[in-house]
Structure formats: C-alpha cells, structure tokens
Amino acid sequence: MMEHGCLAVAIVQRQVMVVQASRSHSSRESQLDVHTFIPFGSNVFLSSPVPEARISSSDILTIFPTSDRISCDSAGMGEILELSPRAYREFIELSSRMQKKYERLFDVWSRKSRH
C-alpha cells in the first residue's frame, strides 16, 4: 500500500527514478499514479520532464519510510525533493544494480547478433 505522498524508487520508462504517490493506493491496485523525479545532485531531485506517470506496482524497487524525505519544495519549474543520505545511497545502489543488469543483457544480445 502506498499512501499519498509516499516516496519510492521505481523503474519508469526503463530508468530508475524516485517517485511520489500522487494519491493513496491499495495493495490490490496493479497501477500506481506517481510524480517522477530525476537526480540533480547529492540528495536532491527535480521533477522529471514528464512529471506524472502511471506505473505497474511491480516496477517499485523499494518504498522509503516517511523519515527519509528531508524536504519537498515547489519551485517555478517544478518540484525539488531532498532525500536523507541513507535514502540517497539506496537510490544510487538500485540505479547501479539496474545499470549492471542492462549491461549484461546488452552483452548477451550483442554476442548473439554476431553469430
């Protein structure tokens, strides 16, 4: 279950992003409405170019406790989100893991296409 405003790391359009639930979702819902954020700097995220998305609940990699959000501000160009250092490290770890997975898939594909 994701409450309105809950933060998570998810795969959106084949990219690892921080997402925020735009409304409350029950555990039975297979689709989640979220706001999407991309990394800007250490612990800081900006609204992505496509700030709203509907994603599959299976695309959620982790859900952060509410204490991991330090601040969320609206700016002229969208929202700015700051995560705790622990949450940011978890985001980096999940991003790295997914990057390695995609690289392995590409290696397998490129070897098969050569034969």
PDB file of N, CA and C in Angstrom:
ATOM      1  N   MET A   1       0.839  -1.181   0.000  1.00  0.00           N
ATOM      2  CA  MET A   1       0.000   0.000   0.000  1.00  0.00           C
ATOM      3  C   MET A   1       0.880   1.240   0.000  1.00  0.00           C
ATOM      4  N   MET A   2       0.552   2.181  -0.840  1.00  0.00           N
ATOM      5  CA  MET A   2       1.281   3.452  -0.879  1.00  0.00           C
ATOM      6  C   MET A   2       0.309   4.578  -0.554  1.00  0.00           C
ATOM      7  N   GLU A   3       0.626   5.300   0.507  1.00  0.00           N
ATOM      8  CA  GLU A   3      -0.182   6.450   0.893  1.00  0.00           C
ATOM      9  C   GLU A   3       0.178   7.647   0.006  1.00  0.00           C
ATOM     10  N   HIS A   4      -0.750   8.584  -0.091  1.00  0.00           N
ATOM     11  CA  HIS A   4      -0.497   9.819  -0.837  1.00  0.00           C
ATOM     12  C   HIS A   4       0.781  10.476  -0.305  1.00  0.00           C
ATOM     13  N   GLY A   5       1.702  10.823  -1.202  1.00  0.00           N
ATOM     14  CA  GLY A   5       2.944  11.484  -0.825  1.00  0.00           C
ATOM     15  C   GLY A   5       4.083  10.542  -0.477  1.00  0.00           C
ATOM     16  N   CYS A   6       3.822   9.253  -0.415  1.00  0.00           N
ATOM     17  CA  CYS A   6       4.839   8.258  -0.098  1.00  0.00           C
ATOM     18  C   CYS A   6       5.908   8.242  -1.198  1.00  0.00           C
ATOM     19  N   LEU A   7       7.175   8.093  -0.800  1.00  0.00           N
ATOM     20  CA  LEU A   7       8.286   8.076  -1.753  1.00  0.00           C
ATOM     21  C   LEU A   7       8.790   6.660  -1.974  1.00  0.00           C
ATOM     22  N   ALA A   8       9.236   6.398  -3.205  1.00  0.00           N
ATOM     23  CA  ALA A   8       9.759   5.080  -3.563  1.00  0.00           C
ATOM     24  C   ALA A   8      10.766   5.233  -4.693  1.00  0.00           C
ATOM     25  N   VAL A   9      11.486   4.155  -4.967  1.00  0.00           N
ATOM     26  CA  VAL A   9      12.333   4.073  -6.149  1.00  0.00           C
ATOM     27  C   VAL A   9      11.647   3.089  -7.080  1.00  0.00           C
ATOM     28  N   ALA A  10      11.522   3.483  -8.348  1.00  0.00           N
ATOM     29  CA  ALA A  10      10.818   2.640  -9.307  1.00  0.00           C
ATOM     30  C   ALA A  10      11.456   2.762 -10.681  1.00  0.00           C
ATOM     31  N   ILE A  11      11.120   1.805 -11.528  1.00  0.00           N
ATOM     32  CA  ILE A  11      11.544   1.865 -12.926  1.00  0.00           C
ATOM     33  C   ILE A  11      10.425   2.540 -13.704  1.00  0.00           C
ATOM     34  N   VAL A  12      10.761   3.654 -14.343  1.00  0.00           N
ATOM     35  CA  VAL A  12       9.806   4.406 -15.158  1.00  0.00           C
ATOM     36  C   VAL A  12      10.454   4.623 -16.521  1.00  0.00           C
ATOM     37  N   GLN A  13       9.826   4.148 -17.562  1.00  0.00           N
ATOM     38  CA  GLN A  13      10.363   4.240 -18.919  1.00  0.00           C
ATOM     39  C   GLN A  13      11.811   3.746 -18.970  1.00  0.00           C
ATOM     40  N   ARG A  14      12.053   2.572 -18.389  1.00  0.00           N
ATOM     41  CA  ARG A  14      13.350   1.910 -18.347  1.00  0.00           C
ATOM     42  C   ARG A  14      14.435   2.706 -17.624  1.00  0.00           C
ATOM     43  N   GLN A  15      14.046   3.654 -16.787  1.00  0.00           N
ATOM     44  CA  GLN A  15      15.002   4.417 -15.991  1.00  0.00           C
ATOM     45  C   GLN A  15      14.639   4.277 -14.519  1.00  0.00           C
ATOM     46  N   VAL A  16      15.648   4.257 -13.672  1.00  0.00           N
ATOM     47  CA  VAL A  16      15.405   4.231 -12.235  1.00  0.00           C
ATOM     48  C   VAL A  16      15.179   5.666 -11.779  1.00  0.00           C
ATOM     49  N   MET A  17      14.039   5.899 -11.134  1.00  0.00           N
ATOM     50  CA  MET A  17      13.666   7.239 -10.680  1.00  0.00           C
ATOM     51  C   MET A  17      13.095   7.175  -9.274  1.00  0.00           C
ATOM     52  N   VAL A  18      13.136   8.307  -8.605  1.00  0.00           N
ATOM     53  CA  VAL A  18      12.384   8.455  -7.359  1.00  0.00           C
ATOM     54  C   VAL A  18      10.977   8.855  -7.759  1.00  0.00           C
ATOM     55  N   VAL A  19       9.994   8.213  -7.144  1.00  0.00           N
ATOM     56  CA  VAL A  19       8.598   8.536  -7.428  1.00  0.00           C
ATOM     57  C   VAL A  19       7.881   8.867  -6.116  1.00  0.00           C
ATOM     58  N   GLN A  20       6.817   9.646  -6.254  1.00  0.00           N
ATOM     59  CA  GLN A  20       5.993  10.016  -5.111  1.00  0.00           C
ATOM     60  C   GLN A  20       4.546   9.717  -5.474  1.00  0.00           C
ATOM     61  N   ALA A  21       3.859   8.978  -4.630  1.00  0.00           N
ATOM     62  CA  ALA A  21       2.464   8.622  -4.905  1.00  0.00           C
ATOM     63  C   ALA A  21       1.624   9.888  -4.984  1.00  0.00           C
ATOM     64  N   SER A  22       0.895  10.058  -6.090  1.00  0.00           N
ATOM     65  CA  SER A  22       0.068  11.250  -6.257  1.00  0.00           C
ATOM     66  C   SER A  22      -1.297  11.091  -5.600  1.00  0.00           C
ATOM     67  N   ARG A  23      -1.599   9.858  -5.148  1.00  0.00           N
ATOM     68  CA  ARG A  23      -2.817   9.592  -4.367  1.00  0.00           C
ATOM     69  C   ARG A  23      -2.564   8.295  -3.602  1.00  0.00           C
ATOM     70  N   SER A  24      -3.432   7.971  -2.682  1.00  0.00           N
ATOM     71  CA  SER A  24      -3.297   6.714  -1.943  1.00  0.00           C
ATOM     72  C   SER A  24      -3.693   5.545  -2.832  1.00  0.00           C
ATOM     73  N   HIS A  25      -2.967   4.445  -2.695  1.00  0.00           N
ATOM     74  CA  HIS A  25      -3.220   3.237  -3.479  1.00  0.00           C
ATOM     75  C   HIS A  25      -3.353   2.056  -2.529  1.00  0.00           C
ATOM     76  N   SER A  26      -4.300   1.169  -2.814  1.00  0.00           N
ATOM     77  CA  SER A  26      -4.447  -0.042  -2.006  1.00  0.00           C
ATOM     78  C   SER A  26      -3.476  -1.101  -2.514  1.00  0.00           C
ATOM     79  N   SER A  27      -3.254  -2.127  -1.725  1.00  0.00           N
ATOM     80  CA  SER A  27      -2.333  -3.190  -2.132  1.00  0.00           C
ATOM     81  C   SER A  27      -2.886  -4.012  -3.287  1.00  0.00           C
ATOM     82  N   ARG A  28      -4.161  -3.898  -3.577  1.00  0.00           N
ATOM     83  CA  ARG A  28      -4.764  -4.646  -4.682  1.00  0.00           C
ATOM     84  C   ARG A  28      -4.621  -3.954  -6.035  1.00  0.00           C
ATOM     85  N   GLU A  29      -4.253  -2.684  -6.038  1.00  0.00           N
ATOM     86  CA  GLU A  29      -4.131  -1.943  -7.299  1.00  0.00           C
ATOM     87  C   GLU A  29      -2.856  -2.366  -8.036  1.00  0.00           C
ATOM     88  N   SER A  30      -3.009  -2.647  -9.316  1.00  0.00           N
ATOM     89  CA  SER A  30      -1.840  -3.041 -10.112  1.00  0.00           C
ATOM     90  C   SER A  30      -1.161  -1.845 -10.767  1.00  0.00           C
ATOM     91  N   GLN A  31      -1.840  -0.715 -10.851  1.00  0.00           N
ATOM     92  CA  GLN A  31      -1.282   0.506 -11.437  1.00  0.00           C
ATOM     93  C   GLN A  31      -1.229   1.599 -10.378  1.00  0.00           C
ATOM     94  N   LEU A  32      -0.134   2.365 -10.379  1.00  0.00           N
ATOM     95  CA  LEU A  32       0.057   3.439  -9.417  1.00  0.00           C
ATOM     96  C   LEU A  32       0.232   4.763 -10.148  1.00  0.00           C
ATOM     97  N   ASP A  33      -0.417   5.800  -9.655  1.00  0.00           N
ATOM     98  CA  ASP A  33      -0.246   7.151 -10.190  1.00  0.00           C
ATOM     99  C   ASP A  33       0.829   7.841  -9.366  1.00  0.00           C
ATOM    100  N   VAL A  34       1.888   8.303 -10.037  1.00  0.00           N
ATOM    101  CA  VAL A  34       3.039   8.861  -9.321  1.00  0.00           C
ATOM    102  C   VAL A  34       3.543  10.141  -9.987  1.00  0.00           C
ATOM    103  N   HIS A  35       4.250  10.923  -9.182  1.00  0.00           N
ATOM    104  CA  HIS A  35       5.050  12.044  -9.679  1.00  0.00           C
ATOM    105  C   HIS A  35       6.472  11.501  -9.780  1.00  0.00           C
ATOM    106  N   THR A  36       7.190  11.863 -10.834  1.00  0.00           N
ATOM    107  CA  THR A  36       8.529  11.319 -11.062  1.00  0.00           C
ATOM    108  C   THR A  36       9.604  12.384 -10.869  1.00  0.00           C
ATOM    109  N   PHE A  37      10.749  11.942 -10.324  1.00  0.00           N
ATOM    110  CA  PHE A  37      11.863  12.837 -10.034  1.00  0.00           C
ATOM    111  C   PHE A  37      13.161  12.231 -10.554  1.00  0.00           C
ATOM    112  N   ILE A  38      14.027  13.084 -11.083  1.00  0.00           N
ATOM    113  CA  ILE A  38      15.331  12.657 -11.584  1.00  0.00           C
ATOM    114  C   ILE A  38      16.421  13.282 -10.709  1.00  0.00           C
ATOM    115  N   PRO A  39      17.580  12.609 -10.593  1.00  0.00           N
ATOM    116  CA  PRO A  39      18.650  13.146  -9.748  1.00  0.00           C
ATOM    117  C   PRO A  39      19.202  14.458 -10.306  1.00  0.00           C
ATOM    118  N   PHE A  40      19.491  15.376  -9.401  1.00  0.00           N
ATOM    119  CA  PHE A  40      20.054  16.663  -9.776  1.00  0.00           C
ATOM    120  C   PHE A  40      21.434  16.840  -9.157  1.00  0.00           C
ATOM    121  N   GLY A  41      21.594  16.376  -7.960  1.00  0.00           N
ATOM    122  CA  GLY A  41      22.864  16.473  -7.250  1.00  0.00           C
ATOM    123  C   GLY A  41      22.774  15.631  -6.004  1.00  0.00           C
ATOM    124  N   SER A  42      23.734  15.753  -5.144  1.00  0.00           N
ATOM    125  CA  SER A  42      23.768  14.955  -3.928  1.00  0.00           C
ATOM    126  C   SER A  42      22.484  15.137  -3.118  1.00  0.00           C
ATOM    127  N   ASN A  43      21.701  14.078  -3.040  1.00  0.00           N
ATOM    128  CA  ASN A  43      20.452  14.011  -2.268  1.00  0.00           C
ATOM    129  C   ASN A  43      19.296  14.808  -2.869  1.00  0.00           C
ATOM    130  N   VAL A  44      19.503  15.551  -3.943  1.00  0.00           N
ATOM    131  CA  VAL A  44      18.483  16.440  -4.497  1.00  0.00           C
ATOM    132  C   VAL A  44      17.957  15.885  -5.820  1.00  0.00           C
ATOM    133  N   PHE A  45      16.636  15.971  -5.989  1.00  0.00           N
ATOM    134  CA  PHE A  45      15.960  15.502  -7.193  1.00  0.00           C
ATOM    135  C   PHE A  45      15.015  16.585  -7.684  1.00  0.00           C
ATOM    136  N   LEU A  46      14.876  16.662  -9.017  1.00  0.00           N
ATOM    137  CA  LEU A  46      13.946  17.610  -9.650  1.00  0.00           C
ATOM    138  C   LEU A  46      12.835  16.841 -10.341  1.00  0.00           C
ATOM    139  N   SER A  47      11.694  17.492 -10.524  1.00  0.00           N
ATOM    140  CA  SER A  47      10.627  16.879 -11.308  1.00  0.00           C
ATOM    141  C   SER A  47      11.188  16.485 -12.663  1.00  0.00           C
ATOM    142  N   SER A  48      10.826  15.309 -13.140  1.00  0.00           N
ATOM    143  CA  SER A  48      11.329  14.855 -14.436  1.00  0.00           C
ATOM    144  C   SER A  48      10.614  15.606 -15.559  1.00  0.00           C
ATOM    145  N   PRO A  49      11.127  15.501 -16.793  1.00  0.00           N
ATOM    146  CA  PRO A  49      10.472  16.170 -17.929  1.00  0.00           C
ATOM    147  C   PRO A  49       9.012  15.735 -18.112  1.00  0.00           C
ATOM    148  N   VAL A  50       8.697  14.507 -17.743  1.00  0.00           N
ATOM    149  CA  VAL A  50       7.311  14.031 -17.744  1.00  0.00           C
ATOM    150  C   VAL A  50       6.981  13.747 -16.278  1.00  0.00           C
ATOM    151  N   PRO A  51       6.495  14.761 -15.544  1.00  0.00           N
ATOM    152  CA  PRO A  51       6.413  14.654 -14.088  1.00  0.00           C
ATOM    153  C   PRO A  51       5.335  13.725 -13.539  1.00  0.00           C
ATOM    154  N   GLU A  52       4.405  13.278 -14.356  1.00  0.00           N
ATOM    155  CA  GLU A  52       3.365  12.381 -13.868  1.00  0.00           C
ATOM    156  C   GLU A  52       3.341  11.125 -14.719  1.00  0.00           C
ATOM    157  N   ALA A  53       3.154   9.991 -14.050  1.00  0.00           N
ATOM    158  CA  ALA A  53       3.153   8.716 -14.762  1.00  0.00           C
ATOM    159  C   ALA A  53       2.225   7.739 -14.061  1.00  0.00           C
ATOM    160  N   ARG A  54       1.816   6.730 -14.807  1.00  0.00           N
ATOM    161  CA  ARG A  54       1.100   5.581 -14.249  1.00  0.00           C
ATOM    162  C   ARG A  54       2.007   4.391 -14.470  1.00  0.00           C
ATOM    163  N   ILE A  55       2.409   3.762 -13.387  1.00  0.00           N
ATOM    164  CA  ILE A  55       3.351   2.649 -13.467  1.00  0.00           C
ATOM    165  C   ILE A  55       2.734   1.389 -12.861  1.00  0.00           C
ATOM    166  N   SER A  56       3.303   0.259 -13.225  1.00  0.00           N
ATOM    167  CA  SER A  56       2.887  -1.007 -12.647  1.00  0.00           C
ATOM    168  C   SER A  56       3.430  -1.104 -11.222  1.00  0.00           C
ATOM    169  N   SER A  57       2.653  -1.663 -10.333  1.00  0.00           N
ATOM    170  CA  SER A  57       3.126  -1.814  -8.956  1.00  0.00           C
ATOM    171  C   SER A  57       4.360  -2.715  -8.896  1.00  0.00           C
ATOM    172  N   SER A  58       4.539  -3.577  -9.883  1.00  0.00           N
ATOM    173  CA  SER A  58       5.725  -4.446  -9.909  1.00  0.00           C
ATOM    174  C   SER A  58       6.998  -3.678 -10.275  1.00  0.00           C
ATOM    175  N   ASP A  59       6.880  -2.443 -10.740  1.00  0.00           N
ATOM    176  CA  ASP A  59       8.043  -1.626 -11.070  1.00  0.00           C
ATOM    177  C   ASP A  59       8.639  -0.917  -9.853  1.00  0.00           C
ATOM    178  N   ILE A  60       7.992  -1.037  -8.705  1.00  0.00           N
ATOM    179  CA  ILE A  60       8.520  -0.436  -7.483  1.00  0.00           C
ATOM    180  C   ILE A  60       9.681  -1.291  -6.984  1.00  0.00           C
ATOM    181  N   LEU A  61      10.834  -0.664  -6.779  1.00  0.00           N
ATOM    182  CA  LEU A  61      12.014  -1.382  -6.292  1.00  0.00           C
ATOM    183  C   LEU A  61      12.114  -1.315  -4.773  1.00  0.00           C
ATOM    184  N   THR A  62      11.750  -0.192  -4.186  1.00  0.00           N
ATOM    185  CA  THR A  62      11.730  -0.035  -2.735  1.00  0.00           C
ATOM    186  C   THR A  62      10.829   1.137  -2.374  1.00  0.00           C
ATOM    187  N   ILE A  63      10.278   1.091  -1.186  1.00  0.00           N
ATOM    188  CA  ILE A  63       9.460   2.194  -0.657  1.00  0.00           C
ATOM    189  C   ILE A  63      10.202   2.743   0.550  1.00  0.00           C
ATOM    190  N   PHE A  64      10.378   4.068   0.581  1.00  0.00           N
ATOM    191  CA  PHE A  64      11.095   4.704   1.678  1.00  0.00           C
ATOM    192  C   PHE A  64      10.159   4.991   2.853  1.00  0.00           C
ATOM    193  N   PRO A  65      10.689   4.907   4.071  1.00  0.00           N
ATOM    194  CA  PRO A  65       9.903   5.380   5.215  1.00  0.00           C
ATOM    195  C   PRO A  65       9.741   6.901   5.116  1.00  0.00           C
ATOM    196  N   THR A  66       8.712   7.433   5.728  1.00  0.00           N
ATOM    197  CA  THR A  66       8.455   8.878   5.623  1.00  0.00           C
ATOM    198  C   THR A  66       9.600   9.707   6.189  1.00  0.00           C
ATOM    199  N   SER A  67      10.398   9.155   7.075  1.00  0.00           N
ATOM    200  CA  SER A  67      11.512   9.898   7.666  1.00  0.00           C
ATOM    201  C   SER A  67      12.652  10.149   6.678  1.00  0.00           C
ATOM    202  N   ASP A  68      12.650   9.479   5.522  1.00  0.00           N
ATOM    203  CA  ASP A  68      13.730   9.645   4.547  1.00  0.00           C
ATOM    204  C   ASP A  68      13.570  10.870   3.656  1.00  0.00           C
ATOM    205  N   ARG A  69      12.441  11.546   3.742  1.00  0.00           N
ATOM    206  CA  ARG A  69      12.271  12.780   2.971  1.00  0.00           C
ATOM    207  C   ARG A  69      12.661  13.934   3.873  1.00  0.00           C
ATOM    208  N   ILE A  70      13.617  14.724   3.421  1.00  0.00           N
ATOM    209  CA  ILE A  70      14.035  15.878   4.207  1.00  0.00           C
ATOM    210  C   ILE A  70      13.169  17.080   3.853  1.00  0.00           C
ATOM    211  N   SER A  71      12.986  17.327   2.559  1.00  0.00           N
ATOM    212  CA  SER A  71      12.156  18.466   2.156  1.00  0.00           C
ATOM    213  C   SER A  71      11.593  18.248   0.764  1.00  0.00           C
ATOM    214  N   CYS A  72      10.525  18.937   0.501  1.00  0.00           N
ATOM    215  CA  CYS A  72       9.885  18.911  -0.808  1.00  0.00           C
ATOM    216  C   CYS A  72       9.344  20.314  -1.040  1.00  0.00           C
ATOM    217  N   ASP A  73       9.913  21.020  -2.020  1.00  0.00           N
ATOM    218  CA  ASP A  73       9.525  22.401  -2.284  1.00  0.00           C
ATOM    219  C   ASP A  73       9.042  22.551  -3.716  1.00  0.00           C
ATOM    220  N   SER A  74       8.111  23.450  -3.903  1.00  0.00           N
ATOM    221  CA  SER A  74       7.682  23.795  -5.257  1.00  0.00           C
ATOM    222  C   SER A  74       8.509  24.980  -5.710  1.00  0.00           C
ATOM    223  N   ALA A  75       9.072  24.862  -6.880  1.00  0.00           N
ATOM    224  CA  ALA A  75       9.839  25.957  -7.477  1.00  0.00           C
ATOM    225  C   ALA A  75       9.121  26.381  -8.747  1.00  0.00           C
ATOM    226  N   GLY A  76       9.605  27.403  -9.377  1.00  0.00           N
ATOM    227  CA  GLY A  76       8.973  27.894 -10.598  1.00  0.00           C
ATOM    228  C   GLY A  76       8.941  26.863 -11.714  1.00  0.00           C
ATOM    229  N   MET A  77       9.905  25.946 -11.744  1.00  0.00           N
ATOM    230  CA  MET A  77       9.992  24.963 -12.829  1.00  0.00           C
ATOM    231  C   MET A  77       9.528  23.577 -12.392  1.00  0.00           C
ATOM    232  N   GLY A  78       8.945  23.447 -11.239  1.00  0.00           N
ATOM    233  CA  GLY A  78       8.506  22.138 -10.761  1.00  0.00           C
ATOM    234  C   GLY A  78       8.904  21.945  -9.322  1.00  0.00           C
ATOM    235  N   GLU A  79       8.890  20.702  -8.893  1.00  0.00           N
ATOM    236  CA  GLU A  79       9.202  20.409  -7.509  1.00  0.00           C
ATOM    237  C   GLU A  79      10.658  20.005  -7.339  1.00  0.00           C
ATOM    238  N   ILE A  80      11.173  20.320  -6.160  1.00  0.00           N
ATOM    239  CA  ILE A  80      12.508  19.918  -5.754  1.00  0.00           C
ATOM    240  C   ILE A  80      12.342  19.035  -4.530  1.00  0.00           C
ATOM    241  N   LEU A  81      13.003  17.895  -4.559  1.00  0.00           N
ATOM    242  CA  LEU A  81      12.878  16.916  -3.487  1.00  0.00           C
ATOM    243  C   LEU A  81      14.258  16.628  -2.929  1.00  0.00           C
ATOM    244  N   GLU A  82      14.384  16.613  -1.617  1.00  0.00           N
ATOM    245  CA  GLU A  82      15.653  16.267  -0.986  1.00  0.00           C
ATOM    246  C   GLU A  82      15.445  15.025  -0.125  1.00  0.00           C
ATOM    247  N   LEU A  83      16.304  14.025  -0.325  1.00  0.00           N
ATOM    248  CA  LEU A  83      16.234  12.784   0.443  1.00  0.00           C
ATOM    249  C   LEU A  83      17.317  12.759   1.512  1.00  0.00           C
ATOM    250  N   SER A  84      17.108  11.912   2.502  1.00  0.00           N
ATOM    251  CA  SER A  84      18.134  11.708   3.523  1.00  0.00           C
ATOM    252  C   SER A  84      19.340  11.033   2.864  1.00  0.00           C
ATOM    253  N   PRO A  85      20.527  11.165   3.469  1.00  0.00           N
ATOM    254  CA  PRO A  85      21.705  10.499   2.897  1.00  0.00           C
ATOM    255  C   PRO A  85      21.508   8.983   2.750  1.00  0.00           C
ATOM    256  N   ARG A  86      20.849   8.333   3.697  1.00  0.00           N
ATOM    257  CA  ARG A  86      20.612   6.889   3.620  1.00  0.00           C
ATOM    258  C   ARG A  86      19.737   6.551   2.418  1.00  0.00           C
ATOM    259  N   ALA A  87      18.664   7.306   2.215  1.00  0.00           N
ATOM    260  CA  ALA A  87      17.764   7.056   1.081  1.00  0.00           C
ATOM    261  C   ALA A  87      18.485   7.320  -0.236  1.00  0.00           C
ATOM    262  N   TYR A  88      19.318   8.352  -0.274  1.00  0.00           N
ATOM    263  CA  TYR A  88      20.063   8.659  -1.493  1.00  0.00           C
ATOM    264  C   TYR A  88      21.034   7.524  -1.835  1.00  0.00           C
ATOM    265  N   ARG A  89      21.728   6.982  -0.816  1.00  0.00           N
ATOM    266  CA  ARG A  89      22.639   5.849  -1.050  1.00  0.00           C
ATOM    267  C   ARG A  89      21.868   4.641  -1.588  1.00  0.00           C
ATOM    268  N   GLU A  90      20.657   4.420  -1.063  1.00  0.00           N
ATOM    269  CA  GLU A  90      19.853   3.302  -1.549  1.00  0.00           C
ATOM    270  C   GLU A  90      19.444   3.518  -3.007  1.00  0.00           C
ATOM    271  N   PHE A  91      19.091   4.755  -3.363  1.00  0.00           N
ATOM    272  CA  PHE A  91      18.764   5.078  -4.746  1.00  0.00           C
ATOM    273  C   PHE A  91      19.963   4.800  -5.655  1.00  0.00           C
ATOM    274  N   ILE A  92      21.150   5.240  -5.251  1.00  0.00           N
ATOM    275  CA  ILE A  92      22.366   5.036  -6.048  1.00  0.00           C
ATOM    276  C   ILE A  92      22.636   3.542  -6.214  1.00  0.00           C
ATOM    277  N   GLU A  93      22.487   2.762  -5.151  1.00  0.00           N
ATOM    278  CA  GLU A  93      22.715   1.328  -5.213  1.00  0.00           C
ATOM    279  C   GLU A  93      21.737   0.653  -6.178  1.00  0.00           C
ATOM    280  N   LEU A  94      20.468   0.999  -6.101  1.00  0.00           N
ATOM    281  CA  LEU A  94      19.475   0.407  -7.000  1.00  0.00           C
ATOM    282  C   LEU A  94      19.720   0.822  -8.451  1.00  0.00           C
ATOM    283  N   SER A  95      20.098   2.068  -8.664  1.00  0.00           N
ATOM    284  CA  SER A  95      20.420   2.544 -10.023  1.00  0.00           C
ATOM    285  C   SER A  95      21.595   1.767 -10.595  1.00  0.00           C
ATOM    286  N   SER A  96      22.617   1.580  -9.787  1.00  0.00           N
ATOM    287  CA  SER A  96      23.803   0.850 -10.216  1.00  0.00           C
ATOM    288  C   SER A  96      23.463  -0.600 -10.542  1.00  0.00           C
ATOM    289  N   ARG A  97      22.657  -1.220  -9.705  1.00  0.00           N
ATOM    290  CA  ARG A  97      22.259  -2.616  -9.930  1.00  0.00           C
ATOM    291  C   ARG A  97      21.500  -2.756 -11.250  1.00  0.00           C
ATOM    292  N   MET A  98      20.581  -1.832 -11.527  1.00  0.00           N
ATOM    293  CA  MET A  98      19.815  -1.900 -12.768  1.00  0.00           C
ATOM    294  C   MET A  98      20.703  -1.630 -13.972  1.00  0.00           C
ATOM    295  N   GLN A  99      21.669  -0.711 -13.851  1.00  0.00           N
ATOM    296  CA  GLN A  99      22.601  -0.432 -14.941  1.00  0.00           C
ATOM    297  C   GLN A  99      23.405  -1.687 -15.288  1.00  0.00           C
ATOM    298  N   LYS A 100      23.884  -2.384 -14.265  1.00  0.00           N
ATOM    299  CA  LYS A 100      24.642  -3.622 -14.499  1.00  0.00           C
ATOM    300  C   LYS A 100      23.766  -4.678 -15.159  1.00  0.00           C
ATOM    301  N   LYS A 101      22.508  -4.759 -14.764  1.00  0.00           N
ATOM    302  CA  LYS A 101      21.588  -5.723 -15.373  1.00  0.00           C
ATOM    303  C   LYS A 101      21.414  -5.419 -16.860  1.00  0.00           C
ATOM    304  N   TYR A 102      21.200  -4.129 -17.202  1.00  0.00           N
ATOM    305  CA  TYR A 102      21.034  -3.751 -18.604  1.00  0.00           C
ATOM    306  C   TYR A 102      22.312  -4.010 -19.405  1.00  0.00           C
ATOM    307  N   GLU A 103      23.465  -3.786 -18.790  1.00  0.00           N
ATOM    308  CA  GLU A 103      24.731  -4.050 -19.482  1.00  0.00           C
ATOM    309  C   GLU A 103      24.901  -5.541 -19.767  1.00  0.00           C
ATOM    310  N   ARG A 104      24.531  -6.391 -18.821  1.00  0.00           N
ATOM    311  CA  ARG A 104      24.611  -7.845 -19.047  1.00  0.00           C
ATOM    312  C   ARG A 104      23.667  -8.260 -20.168  1.00  0.00           C
ATOM    313  N   LEU A 105      22.454  -7.720 -20.172  1.00  0.00           N
ATOM    314  CA  LEU A 105      21.501  -8.039 -21.238  1.00  0.00           C
ATOM    315  C   LEU A 105      22.036  -7.614 -22.599  1.00  0.00           C
ATOM    316  N   PHE A 106      22.645  -6.426 -22.655  1.00  0.00           N
ATOM    317  CA  PHE A 106      23.211  -5.945 -23.907  1.00  0.00           C
ATOM    318  C   PHE A 106      24.353  -6.843 -24.370  1.00  0.00           C
ATOM    319  N   ASP A 107      25.210  -7.266 -23.428  1.00  0.00           N
ATOM    320  CA  ASP A 107      26.313  -8.160 -23.784  1.00  0.00           C
ATOM    321  C   ASP A 107      25.798  -9.461 -24.386  1.00  0.00           C
ATOM    322  N   VAL A 108      24.785 -10.038 -23.780  1.00  0.00           N
ATOM    323  CA  VAL A 108      24.203 -11.286 -24.299  1.00  0.00           C
ATOM    324  C   VAL A 108      23.629 -11.052 -25.685  1.00  0.00           C
ATOM    325  N   TRP A 109      22.902  -9.970 -25.855  1.00  0.00           N
ATOM    326  CA  TRP A 109      22.300  -9.646 -27.154  1.00  0.00           C
ATOM    327  C   TRP A 109      23.375  -9.431 -28.212  1.00  0.00           C
ATOM    328  N   SER A 110      24.432  -8.678 -27.867  1.00  0.00           N
ATOM    329  CA  SER A 110      25.469  -8.381 -28.861  1.00  0.00           C
ATOM    330  C   SER A 110      26.240  -9.640 -29.261  1.00  0.00           C
ATOM    331  N   ARG A 111      26.455 -10.560 -28.315  1.00  0.00           N
ATOM    332  CA  ARG A 111      27.121 -11.818 -28.659  1.00  0.00           C
ATOM    333  C   ARG A 111      26.259 -12.665 -29.573  1.00  0.00           C
ATOM    334  N   LYS A 112      24.964 -12.682 -29.338  1.00  0.00           N
ATOM    335  CA  LYS A 112      24.057 -13.474 -30.187  1.00  0.00           C
ATOM    336  C   LYS A 112      23.954 -12.877 -31.585  1.00  0.00           C
ATOM    337  N   SER A 113      23.981 -11.558 -31.697  1.00  0.00           N
ATOM    338  CA  SER A 113      23.839 -10.930 -33.014  1.00  0.00           C
ATOM    339  C   SER A 113      25.081 -11.110 -33.882  1.00  0.00           C
ATOM    340  N   ARG A 114      26.206 -11.422 -33.280  1.00  0.00           N
ATOM    341  CA  ARG A 114      27.460 -11.628 -34.044  1.00  0.00           C
ATOM    342  C   ARG A 114      27.493 -12.998 -34.708  1.00  0.00           C
ATOM    343  N   HIS A 115      26.737 -13.941 -34.159  1.00  0.00           N
ATOM    344  CA  HIS A 115      26.780 -15.314 -34.684  1.00  0.00           C
ATOM    345  C   HIS A 115      25.758 -15.559 -35.746  1.00  0.00           C
TER     346      HIS A 115
END
